[in-house]
Amino acid sequence: MKSDFIRDLGLGAEEREWLAVAIDTAQEAGNLLHQRFGEGHHIRYKGEKDLVTVMDLQAQELIISRLKSHFPDHTMLAEEGVADEETGVPCWIIDPLDGTTNYAHGLPFFAVSIGLEWAGTMRVGVVYSPPLAELFVGVRGKGAYLNGQKLTVSAVQTVKESLLATGFIGKLLFPGSRVFRDFAAFSIRAHG
């Protein structure tokens, strides 16, 4: 399925390789996270409420190792403390465990996120959610896909016909904050 999907996008050889490696890597890291889900991992804090688990670090190590083996000249910018400084070369942007708080609390809503930026432009992006078996792929100029099916913008025209979903950075959500006011205004107008 993956090779047919990538071939059908009409990408050049370099882009095909980037995307294939990103998909394989995200799925491998996601499967590692899924296998260890619910084991009660040790949690440490990198901020007041910002969690990191041993699985963030293991998944990140796996991702960087795989990407470096395929693209040794590329740079890496990863959430858990890895950043290369070289400019002018492709840069992989990595969140090895997107949804660490959910993962750490046994809530099965988490993913692996990997994107490639080059010359100030995002080229490919992959988000893999192992508990939901959802693979999101985005390619510059080719659109976004979920499990190989093209995604489209909703045809809903008004907020009152919409179902809204979001997440918040806790420090931005407090009574009186703009985020709080905007969310309240949208929620009373939407389906839910």
Foldseek 3Di string as FASTA:
>chain_A
DLVVLLVVLVDDPVLSVVVVLQVVLFVVLQVVLVVCFPVQFDWDAPDPPHIDGVSQVVSVVSSVVSVCVVPVPEWEAEDPDGGDDDAQHKYKYWRSWAPVVCRNVRNQDIWTKIWIDGPRRTAKIWIARVVVRWIWIQGVPRAIDIPSHGDDDDPDDDLQADDDDDDDDVVQDDPPHPVVVVVVVSVVRYPD
